[in-house]
Amino acid sequence: MDSVSAGDDGSLPRERAMRTTVALDGGGADIAHARHLAVGFLTRVQGEHGLPVSQRALDVTQLVVSELVTNARKYAPGPVLLDLRIAGDMVEVVVWDSEPVLPIARSADAGRVGQHGLEIVMAVAQGFEAQREPFGKRITVRIALLDDPEGDLPGRGTV
């Protein structure tokens, strides 16, 4: 067995292996590419590391990635960074873009057409955080890898 030291960021080898990052250039295929990357990542985590991942986690992760990348492409000029990583029993979806304005979920309005993405993300995730960065912003969403046997998920809150 090869020995590997912790990374510069202090992460252990398994933590590094359970993470993937991609820069999206703003092209028309970015959203589909990001969704496929998310499914591939969770499939690898399950197959190579033996972590159980529910079908709900796969579906919700694709939805969250799609919504966040769509918003980044729509509201921020330039590239988008997508980072997927395992943190305990959660998958963290992190999207960075160049627009410093933080998103705000709008109040419910049945008559409003569109602009429900952030509301949906916050409803299906176990954690949500938006942070300004020195340049742009970072959105982090946490999604449970497994469903509770009783059908309940861990409490929702901030990351």
N, C-alpha and C. Protein backbone atom coordinates (compact mmCIF):
# COMPACT_ATOMS: atom_id res chain seq x y z
N MET A 1 0.84 -1.18 0.00
CA MET A 1 0.00 0.00 0.00
C MET A 1 0.88 1.24 0.00
N ASP A 2 0.58 2.18 -0.88
CA ASP A 2 1.35 3.42 -0.94
C ASP A 2 0.96 4.33 0.21
N SER A 3 1.93 5.03 0.74
CA SER A 3 1.60 6.02 1.76
C SER A 3 1.52 7.38 1.11
N VAL A 4 0.54 8.14 1.49
CA VAL A 4 0.34 9.47 0.94
C VAL A 4 0.16 10.42 2.11
N SER A 5 0.85 11.53 2.07
CA SER A 5 0.72 12.49 3.16
C SER A 5 -0.47 13.40 2.92
N ALA A 6 -0.83 14.11 3.96
CA ALA A 6 -1.93 15.06 3.86
C ALA A 6 -1.53 16.16 2.89
N GLY A 7 -2.55 16.73 2.25
CA GLY A 7 -2.32 17.80 1.28
C GLY A 7 -1.97 19.11 1.96
N ASP A 8 -1.62 20.09 1.14
CA ASP A 8 -1.27 21.42 1.65
C ASP A 8 -2.42 22.02 2.46
N ASP A 9 -3.64 21.64 2.12
CA ASP A 9 -4.79 22.19 2.83
C ASP A 9 -5.15 21.37 4.08
N GLY A 10 -4.32 20.36 4.38
CA GLY A 10 -4.56 19.54 5.55
C GLY A 10 -5.51 18.38 5.30
N SER A 11 -5.99 18.24 4.07
CA SER A 11 -6.94 17.17 3.79
C SER A 11 -6.22 15.82 3.75
N LEU A 12 -6.94 14.81 4.09
CA LEU A 12 -6.41 13.47 4.03
C LEU A 12 -6.59 12.93 2.62
N PRO A 13 -5.84 11.90 2.24
CA PRO A 13 -5.93 11.38 0.87
C PRO A 13 -7.36 11.01 0.47
N ARG A 14 -8.11 10.37 1.36
CA ARG A 14 -9.48 9.97 1.01
C ARG A 14 -10.35 11.19 0.75
N GLU A 15 -10.15 12.26 1.55
CA GLU A 15 -10.93 13.48 1.35
C GLU A 15 -10.62 14.09 -0.01
N ARG A 16 -9.36 14.08 -0.40
CA ARG A 16 -9.00 14.61 -1.72
C ARG A 16 -9.61 13.77 -2.81
N ALA A 17 -9.65 12.46 -2.61
CA ALA A 17 -10.19 11.56 -3.62
C ALA A 17 -11.70 11.73 -3.75
N MET A 18 -12.34 12.22 -2.70
CA MET A 18 -13.79 12.38 -2.75
C MET A 18 -14.16 13.84 -3.00
N ARG A 19 -13.50 14.40 -4.01
CA ARG A 19 -13.73 15.79 -4.38
C ARG A 19 -13.40 15.94 -5.86
N THR A 20 -14.16 16.75 -6.53
CA THR A 20 -13.86 17.07 -7.92
C THR A 20 -14.24 18.52 -8.18
N THR A 21 -13.44 19.17 -9.01
CA THR A 21 -13.66 20.58 -9.33
C THR A 21 -13.54 20.76 -10.83
N VAL A 22 -14.39 21.62 -11.37
CA VAL A 22 -14.34 21.92 -12.80
C VAL A 22 -14.62 23.40 -13.01
N ALA A 23 -13.92 23.99 -13.97
CA ALA A 23 -14.19 25.36 -14.39
C ALA A 23 -15.07 25.29 -15.62
N LEU A 24 -16.18 25.99 -15.57
CA LEU A 24 -17.11 26.04 -16.69
C LEU A 24 -16.95 27.39 -17.37
N ASP A 25 -16.87 27.39 -18.67
CA ASP A 25 -16.52 28.61 -19.39
C ASP A 25 -17.70 29.48 -19.82
N GLY A 26 -18.91 29.07 -19.49
CA GLY A 26 -20.07 29.88 -19.85
C GLY A 26 -20.70 29.46 -21.16
N GLY A 27 -20.27 28.33 -21.69
CA GLY A 27 -20.83 27.83 -22.94
C GLY A 27 -22.21 27.22 -22.73
N GLY A 28 -22.91 26.99 -23.83
CA GLY A 28 -24.27 26.47 -23.79
C GLY A 28 -24.41 25.09 -23.19
N ALA A 29 -23.35 24.30 -23.19
CA ALA A 29 -23.42 22.93 -22.67
C ALA A 29 -23.03 22.83 -21.20
N ASP A 30 -22.73 23.95 -20.56
CA ASP A 30 -22.25 23.93 -19.17
C ASP A 30 -23.20 23.24 -18.20
N ILE A 31 -24.48 23.52 -18.31
CA ILE A 31 -25.44 22.99 -17.33
C ILE A 31 -25.52 21.48 -17.45
N ALA A 32 -25.65 20.96 -18.65
CA ALA A 32 -25.70 19.51 -18.84
C ALA A 32 -24.38 18.87 -18.41
N HIS A 33 -23.27 19.50 -18.75
CA HIS A 33 -21.95 18.98 -18.35
C HIS A 33 -21.84 18.92 -16.83
N ALA A 34 -22.30 19.95 -16.15
CA ALA A 34 -22.24 20.00 -14.68
C ALA A 34 -23.10 18.92 -14.06
N ARG A 35 -24.29 18.71 -14.59
CA ARG A 35 -25.17 17.63 -14.07
C ARG A 35 -24.51 16.27 -14.25
N HIS A 36 -23.94 16.02 -15.43
CA HIS A 36 -23.27 14.73 -15.68
C HIS A 36 -22.06 14.55 -14.77
N LEU A 37 -21.33 15.62 -14.55
CA LEU A 37 -20.19 15.57 -13.64
C LEU A 37 -20.65 15.17 -12.23
N ALA A 38 -21.76 15.75 -11.78
CA ALA A 38 -22.28 15.45 -10.44
C ALA A 38 -22.67 13.98 -10.31
N VAL A 39 -23.37 13.45 -11.29
CA VAL A 39 -23.77 12.04 -11.25
C VAL A 39 -22.53 11.15 -11.30
N GLY A 40 -21.59 11.47 -12.16
CA GLY A 40 -20.37 10.68 -12.24
C GLY A 40 -19.59 10.69 -10.94
N PHE A 41 -19.52 11.86 -10.31
CA PHE A 41 -18.82 11.98 -9.04
C PHE A 41 -19.47 11.10 -7.97
N LEU A 42 -20.79 11.21 -7.82
CA LEU A 42 -21.47 10.41 -6.79
C LEU A 42 -21.42 8.92 -7.10
N THR A 43 -21.44 8.56 -8.37
CA THR A 43 -21.33 7.16 -8.76
C THR A 43 -19.94 6.63 -8.39
N ARG A 44 -18.89 7.45 -8.63
CA ARG A 44 -17.53 7.04 -8.25
C ARG A 44 -17.39 6.92 -6.73
N VAL A 45 -17.95 7.88 -6.00
CA VAL A 45 -17.90 7.84 -4.54
C VAL A 45 -18.52 6.53 -4.05
N GLN A 46 -19.63 6.17 -4.65
CA GLN A 46 -20.32 4.94 -4.25
C GLN A 46 -19.51 3.71 -4.64
N GLY A 47 -19.03 3.66 -5.87
CA GLY A 47 -18.34 2.48 -6.36
C GLY A 47 -16.93 2.31 -5.82
N GLU A 48 -16.16 3.39 -5.77
CA GLU A 48 -14.76 3.29 -5.38
C GLU A 48 -14.54 3.39 -3.88
N HIS A 49 -15.43 4.09 -3.18
CA HIS A 49 -15.23 4.30 -1.74
C HIS A 49 -16.29 3.60 -0.89
N GLY A 50 -17.27 2.98 -1.53
CA GLY A 50 -18.28 2.23 -0.81
C GLY A 50 -19.27 3.07 -0.02
N LEU A 51 -19.31 4.35 -0.30
CA LEU A 51 -20.27 5.21 0.40
C LEU A 51 -21.65 5.02 -0.22
N PRO A 52 -22.65 4.75 0.59
CA PRO A 52 -24.00 4.61 0.03
C PRO A 52 -24.54 5.98 -0.38
N VAL A 53 -25.17 6.01 -1.54
CA VAL A 53 -25.77 7.23 -2.07
C VAL A 53 -27.17 6.87 -2.55
N SER A 54 -28.18 7.52 -1.99
CA SER A 54 -29.55 7.21 -2.39
C SER A 54 -29.88 7.80 -3.75
N GLN A 55 -30.92 7.27 -4.36
CA GLN A 55 -31.39 7.82 -5.63
C GLN A 55 -31.83 9.26 -5.43
N ARG A 56 -32.43 9.56 -4.28
CA ARG A 56 -32.84 10.93 -3.99
C ARG A 56 -31.63 11.87 -4.00
N ALA A 57 -30.52 11.42 -3.38
CA ALA A 57 -29.32 12.25 -3.35
C ALA A 57 -28.80 12.51 -4.76
N LEU A 58 -28.81 11.50 -5.62
CA LEU A 58 -28.41 11.69 -7.00
C LEU A 58 -29.30 12.71 -7.70
N ASP A 59 -30.62 12.53 -7.55
CA ASP A 59 -31.57 13.42 -8.22
C ASP A 59 -31.48 14.85 -7.69
N VAL A 60 -31.43 14.99 -6.37
CA VAL A 60 -31.39 16.33 -5.77
C VAL A 60 -30.07 17.03 -6.11
N THR A 61 -28.97 16.28 -6.12
CA THR A 61 -27.68 16.89 -6.47
C THR A 61 -27.71 17.41 -7.90
N GLN A 62 -28.26 16.64 -8.81
CA GLN A 62 -28.38 17.11 -10.19
C GLN A 62 -29.23 18.38 -10.27
N LEU A 63 -30.33 18.39 -9.55
CA LEU A 63 -31.22 19.56 -9.54
C LEU A 63 -30.49 20.78 -9.00
N VAL A 64 -29.82 20.62 -7.87
CA VAL A 64 -29.12 21.74 -7.24
C VAL A 64 -28.00 22.26 -8.15
N VAL A 65 -27.22 21.36 -8.71
CA VAL A 65 -26.15 21.75 -9.63
C VAL A 65 -26.74 22.52 -10.81
N SER A 66 -27.81 22.01 -11.36
CA SER A 66 -28.45 22.65 -12.50
C SER A 66 -28.92 24.06 -12.16
N GLU A 67 -29.58 24.21 -11.03
CA GLU A 67 -30.10 25.52 -10.63
C GLU A 67 -28.97 26.51 -10.34
N LEU A 68 -27.95 26.07 -9.61
CA LEU A 68 -26.87 26.98 -9.25
C LEU A 68 -26.03 27.39 -10.46
N VAL A 69 -25.74 26.45 -11.34
CA VAL A 69 -24.95 26.78 -12.53
C VAL A 69 -25.78 27.66 -13.48
N THR A 70 -27.06 27.38 -13.59
CA THR A 70 -27.95 28.22 -14.41
C THR A 70 -27.94 29.66 -13.90
N ASN A 71 -28.10 29.83 -12.59
CA ASN A 71 -28.10 31.18 -12.01
C ASN A 71 -26.76 31.87 -12.22
N ALA A 72 -25.67 31.15 -12.03
CA ALA A 72 -24.35 31.75 -12.22
C ALA A 72 -24.17 32.20 -13.67
N ARG A 73 -24.58 31.38 -14.61
CA ARG A 73 -24.45 31.74 -16.03
C ARG A 73 -25.35 32.93 -16.37
N LYS A 74 -26.51 32.98 -15.74
CA LYS A 74 -27.49 34.03 -16.05
C LYS A 74 -27.09 35.39 -15.48
N TYR A 75 -26.55 35.39 -14.26
CA TYR A 75 -26.34 36.65 -13.54
C TYR A 75 -24.89 37.09 -13.39
N ALA A 76 -23.93 36.24 -13.73
CA ALA A 76 -22.52 36.60 -13.52
C ALA A 76 -21.73 36.45 -14.81
N PRO A 77 -20.95 37.47 -15.15
CA PRO A 77 -20.11 37.34 -16.34
C PRO A 77 -18.92 36.43 -16.03
N GLY A 78 -18.45 35.76 -17.03
CA GLY A 78 -17.22 34.99 -16.87
C GLY A 78 -17.42 33.56 -16.45
N PRO A 79 -16.33 32.93 -16.05
CA PRO A 79 -16.37 31.51 -15.72
C PRO A 79 -17.10 31.23 -14.41
N VAL A 80 -17.43 29.96 -14.26
CA VAL A 80 -18.08 29.45 -13.07
C VAL A 80 -17.24 28.26 -12.60
N LEU A 81 -16.98 28.18 -11.30
CA LEU A 81 -16.29 27.02 -10.75
C LEU A 81 -17.29 26.16 -10.00
N LEU A 82 -17.27 24.88 -10.27
CA LEU A 82 -18.13 23.91 -9.59
C LEU A 82 -17.22 22.96 -8.82
N ASP A 83 -17.48 22.84 -7.53
CA ASP A 83 -16.71 21.95 -6.67
C ASP A 83 -17.69 21.02 -5.98
N LEU A 84 -17.45 19.73 -6.09
CA LEU A 84 -18.27 18.71 -5.43
C LEU A 84 -17.37 17.97 -4.46
N ARG A 85 -17.84 17.80 -3.22
CA ARG A 85 -17.01 17.10 -2.24
C ARG A 85 -17.90 16.41 -1.22
N ILE A 86 -17.35 15.38 -0.64
CA ILE A 86 -18.05 14.64 0.40
C ILE A 86 -17.60 15.19 1.74
N ALA A 87 -18.55 15.50 2.59
CA ALA A 87 -18.29 15.99 3.95
C ALA A 87 -19.16 15.16 4.89
N GLY A 88 -18.57 14.14 5.47
CA GLY A 88 -19.33 13.25 6.34
C GLY A 88 -20.38 12.50 5.54
N ASP A 89 -21.64 12.64 5.93
CA ASP A 89 -22.73 11.96 5.24
C ASP A 89 -23.47 12.89 4.28
N MET A 90 -22.77 13.92 3.84
CA MET A 90 -23.35 14.90 2.92
C MET A 90 -22.47 15.06 1.69
N VAL A 91 -23.10 15.48 0.60
CA VAL A 91 -22.35 15.97 -0.54
C VAL A 91 -22.49 17.48 -0.51
N GLU A 92 -21.38 18.17 -0.66
CA GLU A 92 -21.40 19.63 -0.74
C GLU A 92 -21.24 20.03 -2.19
N VAL A 93 -22.16 20.86 -2.64
CA VAL A 93 -22.10 21.44 -3.97
C VAL A 93 -21.70 22.89 -3.77
N VAL A 94 -20.55 23.27 -4.31
CA VAL A 94 -20.06 24.64 -4.15
C VAL A 94 -19.92 25.25 -5.55
N VAL A 95 -20.56 26.40 -5.74
CA VAL A 95 -20.48 27.10 -7.01
C VAL A 95 -19.94 28.50 -6.74
N TRP A 96 -18.89 28.85 -7.47
CA TRP A 96 -18.32 30.18 -7.38
C TRP A 96 -18.56 30.90 -8.71
N ASP A 97 -18.92 32.18 -8.62
CA ASP A 97 -19.00 33.00 -9.83
C ASP A 97 -18.48 34.39 -9.51
N SER A 98 -18.38 35.24 -10.51
CA SER A 98 -17.74 36.55 -10.37
C SER A 98 -18.67 37.65 -9.87
N GLU A 99 -19.95 37.39 -9.74
CA GLU A 99 -20.91 38.42 -9.30
C GLU A 99 -20.94 38.47 -7.77
N PRO A 100 -20.60 39.62 -7.16
CA PRO A 100 -20.56 39.70 -5.70
C PRO A 100 -21.92 39.80 -5.02
N VAL A 101 -22.98 40.10 -5.77
CA VAL A 101 -24.30 40.24 -5.15
C VAL A 101 -24.81 38.86 -4.74
N LEU A 102 -25.17 38.75 -3.45
CA LEU A 102 -25.65 37.48 -2.93
C LEU A 102 -27.10 37.25 -3.33
N PRO A 103 -27.45 36.03 -3.66
CA PRO A 103 -28.84 35.74 -4.04
C PRO A 103 -29.75 35.78 -2.81
N ILE A 104 -30.98 36.14 -3.04
CA ILE A 104 -31.98 36.19 -1.97
C ILE A 104 -33.22 35.44 -2.46
N ALA A 105 -33.68 34.50 -1.65
CA ALA A 105 -34.91 33.79 -2.00
C ALA A 105 -36.07 34.76 -1.91
N ARG A 106 -36.89 34.74 -2.92
CA ARG A 106 -38.04 35.63 -2.95
C ARG A 106 -39.20 34.99 -2.21
N SER A 107 -40.12 35.82 -1.74
CA SER A 107 -41.29 35.27 -1.06
C SER A 107 -42.16 34.54 -2.07
N ALA A 108 -42.93 33.60 -1.58
CA ALA A 108 -43.78 32.79 -2.44
C ALA A 108 -44.76 33.67 -3.20
N ASP A 109 -44.91 33.37 -4.47
CA ASP A 109 -45.84 34.10 -5.32
C ASP A 109 -46.27 33.16 -6.43
N ALA A 110 -47.47 32.62 -6.29
CA ALA A 110 -47.97 31.65 -7.27
C ALA A 110 -48.10 32.25 -8.66
N GLY A 111 -48.22 33.56 -8.77
CA GLY A 111 -48.35 34.21 -10.06
C GLY A 111 -47.04 34.50 -10.76
N ARG A 112 -45.94 34.37 -10.03
CA ARG A 112 -44.63 34.67 -10.61
C ARG A 112 -44.21 33.54 -11.55
N VAL A 113 -43.78 33.90 -12.73
CA VAL A 113 -43.28 32.91 -13.68
C VAL A 113 -41.76 32.91 -13.58
N GLY A 114 -41.20 31.77 -13.27
CA GLY A 114 -39.75 31.65 -13.17
C GLY A 114 -39.21 32.23 -11.87
N GLN A 115 -37.92 32.22 -11.76
CA GLN A 115 -37.18 32.73 -10.62
C GLN A 115 -37.56 32.03 -9.31
N HIS A 116 -37.74 30.72 -9.39
CA HIS A 116 -38.03 29.91 -8.20
C HIS A 116 -36.85 29.00 -7.83
N GLY A 117 -35.75 29.08 -8.59
CA GLY A 117 -34.64 28.16 -8.41
C GLY A 117 -34.06 28.15 -7.02
N LEU A 118 -33.80 29.33 -6.46
CA LEU A 118 -33.21 29.39 -5.13
C LEU A 118 -34.17 28.85 -4.07
N GLU A 119 -35.44 29.13 -4.23
CA GLU A 119 -36.45 28.58 -3.30
C GLU A 119 -36.43 27.06 -3.34
N ILE A 120 -36.35 26.51 -4.53
CA ILE A 120 -36.32 25.05 -4.69
C ILE A 120 -35.07 24.48 -4.04
N VAL A 121 -33.91 25.08 -4.32
CA VAL A 121 -32.65 24.60 -3.75
C VAL A 121 -32.73 24.60 -2.22
N MET A 122 -33.22 25.67 -1.65
CA MET A 122 -33.30 25.77 -0.19
C MET A 122 -34.29 24.77 0.39
N ALA A 123 -35.32 24.42 -0.36
CA ALA A 123 -36.32 23.47 0.12
C ALA A 123 -35.81 22.03 0.14
N VAL A 124 -34.94 21.67 -0.80
CA VAL A 124 -34.50 20.28 -0.90
C VAL A 124 -33.17 20.01 -0.21
N ALA A 125 -32.46 21.06 0.18
CA ALA A 125 -31.13 20.89 0.77
C ALA A 125 -31.18 20.87 2.29
N GLN A 126 -30.16 20.27 2.88
CA GLN A 126 -30.04 20.27 4.33
C GLN A 126 -29.23 21.47 4.82
N GLY A 127 -28.56 22.16 3.91
CA GLY A 127 -27.80 23.34 4.29
C GLY A 127 -27.59 24.24 3.09
N PHE A 128 -27.59 25.54 3.33
CA PHE A 128 -27.38 26.53 2.27
C PHE A 128 -26.60 27.69 2.85
N GLU A 129 -25.59 28.15 2.13
CA GLU A 129 -24.82 29.31 2.56
C GLU A 129 -24.36 30.08 1.33
N ALA A 130 -24.46 31.38 1.40
CA ALA A 130 -23.96 32.26 0.34
C ALA A 130 -22.94 33.20 0.99
N GLN A 131 -21.74 33.27 0.41
CA GLN A 131 -20.67 34.10 0.96
C GLN A 131 -20.03 34.94 -0.12
N ARG A 132 -19.80 36.20 0.21
CA ARG A 132 -19.00 37.03 -0.68
C ARG A 132 -17.55 36.58 -0.57
N GLU A 133 -16.86 36.63 -1.67
CA GLU A 133 -15.44 36.31 -1.73
C GLU A 133 -14.69 37.59 -2.09
N PRO A 134 -13.37 37.59 -2.00
CA PRO A 134 -12.63 38.79 -2.43
C PRO A 134 -13.01 39.20 -3.85
N PHE A 135 -13.35 38.22 -4.66
CA PHE A 135 -13.85 38.49 -6.01
C PHE A 135 -15.03 37.56 -6.23
N GLY A 136 -16.22 38.08 -6.33
CA GLY A 136 -17.40 37.25 -6.60
C GLY A 136 -18.03 36.71 -5.33
N LYS A 137 -18.67 35.55 -5.50
CA LYS A 137 -19.34 34.90 -4.37
C LYS A 137 -19.23 33.39 -4.50
N ARG A 138 -19.50 32.75 -3.37
CA ARG A 138 -19.49 31.29 -3.31
C ARG A 138 -20.80 30.84 -2.67
N ILE A 139 -21.47 29.91 -3.32
CA ILE A 139 -22.70 29.31 -2.80
C ILE A 139 -22.37 27.87 -2.43
N THR A 140 -22.70 27.47 -1.21
CA THR A 140 -22.48 26.10 -0.76
C THR A 140 -23.81 25.50 -0.34
N VAL A 141 -24.10 24.33 -0.89
CA VAL A 141 -25.33 23.61 -0.57
C VAL A 141 -24.94 22.22 -0.11
N ARG A 142 -25.56 21.77 0.98
CA ARG A 142 -25.29 20.43 1.51
C ARG A 142 -26.53 19.56 1.32
N ILE A 143 -26.29 18.34 0.83
CA ILE A 143 -27.35 17.39 0.53
C ILE A 143 -27.02 16.06 1.19
N ALA A 144 -27.97 15.50 1.91
CA ALA A 144 -27.77 14.21 2.57
C ALA A 144 -27.58 13.11 1.52
N LEU A 145 -26.58 12.25 1.76
CA LEU A 145 -26.33 11.14 0.85
C LEU A 145 -27.37 10.03 0.99
N LEU A 146 -27.93 9.91 2.18
CA LEU A 146 -28.91 8.85 2.43
C LEU A 146 -30.21 9.42 2.95
N ASP A 147 -31.28 8.74 2.63
CA ASP A 147 -32.58 9.08 3.20
C ASP A 147 -32.72 8.34 4.52
N ASP A 148 -33.40 8.93 5.44
CA ASP A 148 -33.71 8.28 6.70
C ASP A 148 -34.68 7.13 6.42
N PRO A 149 -34.53 5.98 7.11
CA PRO A 149 -35.45 4.87 6.87
C PRO A 149 -36.91 5.26 7.04
N GLU A 150 -37.20 6.25 7.85
CA GLU A 150 -38.58 6.69 8.07
C GLU A 150 -39.01 7.73 7.05
N GLY A 151 -38.09 8.08 6.12
CA GLY A 151 -38.43 9.04 5.09
C GLY A 151 -38.10 10.49 5.46
N ASP A 152 -37.63 10.70 6.68
CA ASP A 152 -37.26 12.06 7.09
C ASP A 152 -35.79 12.30 6.77
N LEU A 153 -35.46 13.54 6.54
CA LEU A 153 -34.07 13.91 6.29
C LEU A 153 -33.58 14.74 7.45
N PRO A 154 -32.27 14.84 7.63
CA PRO A 154 -31.75 15.70 8.69
C PRO A 154 -32.30 17.11 8.54
N GLY A 155 -32.36 17.83 9.65
CA GLY A 155 -32.92 19.18 9.66
C GLY A 155 -32.23 20.11 8.69
N ARG A 156 -33.00 20.99 8.14
CA ARG A 156 -32.44 21.98 7.22
C ARG A 156 -31.88 23.12 8.03
N GLY A 157 -30.86 23.76 7.51
CA GLY A 157 -30.24 24.89 8.18
C GLY A 157 -29.12 25.43 7.36
N THR A 158 -28.29 26.23 7.96
CA THR A 158 -27.14 26.76 7.24
C THR A 158 -26.02 25.77 7.26
N VAL A 159 -25.10 25.94 6.37
CA VAL A 159 -23.95 25.03 6.24
C VAL A 159 -23.01 25.23 7.39
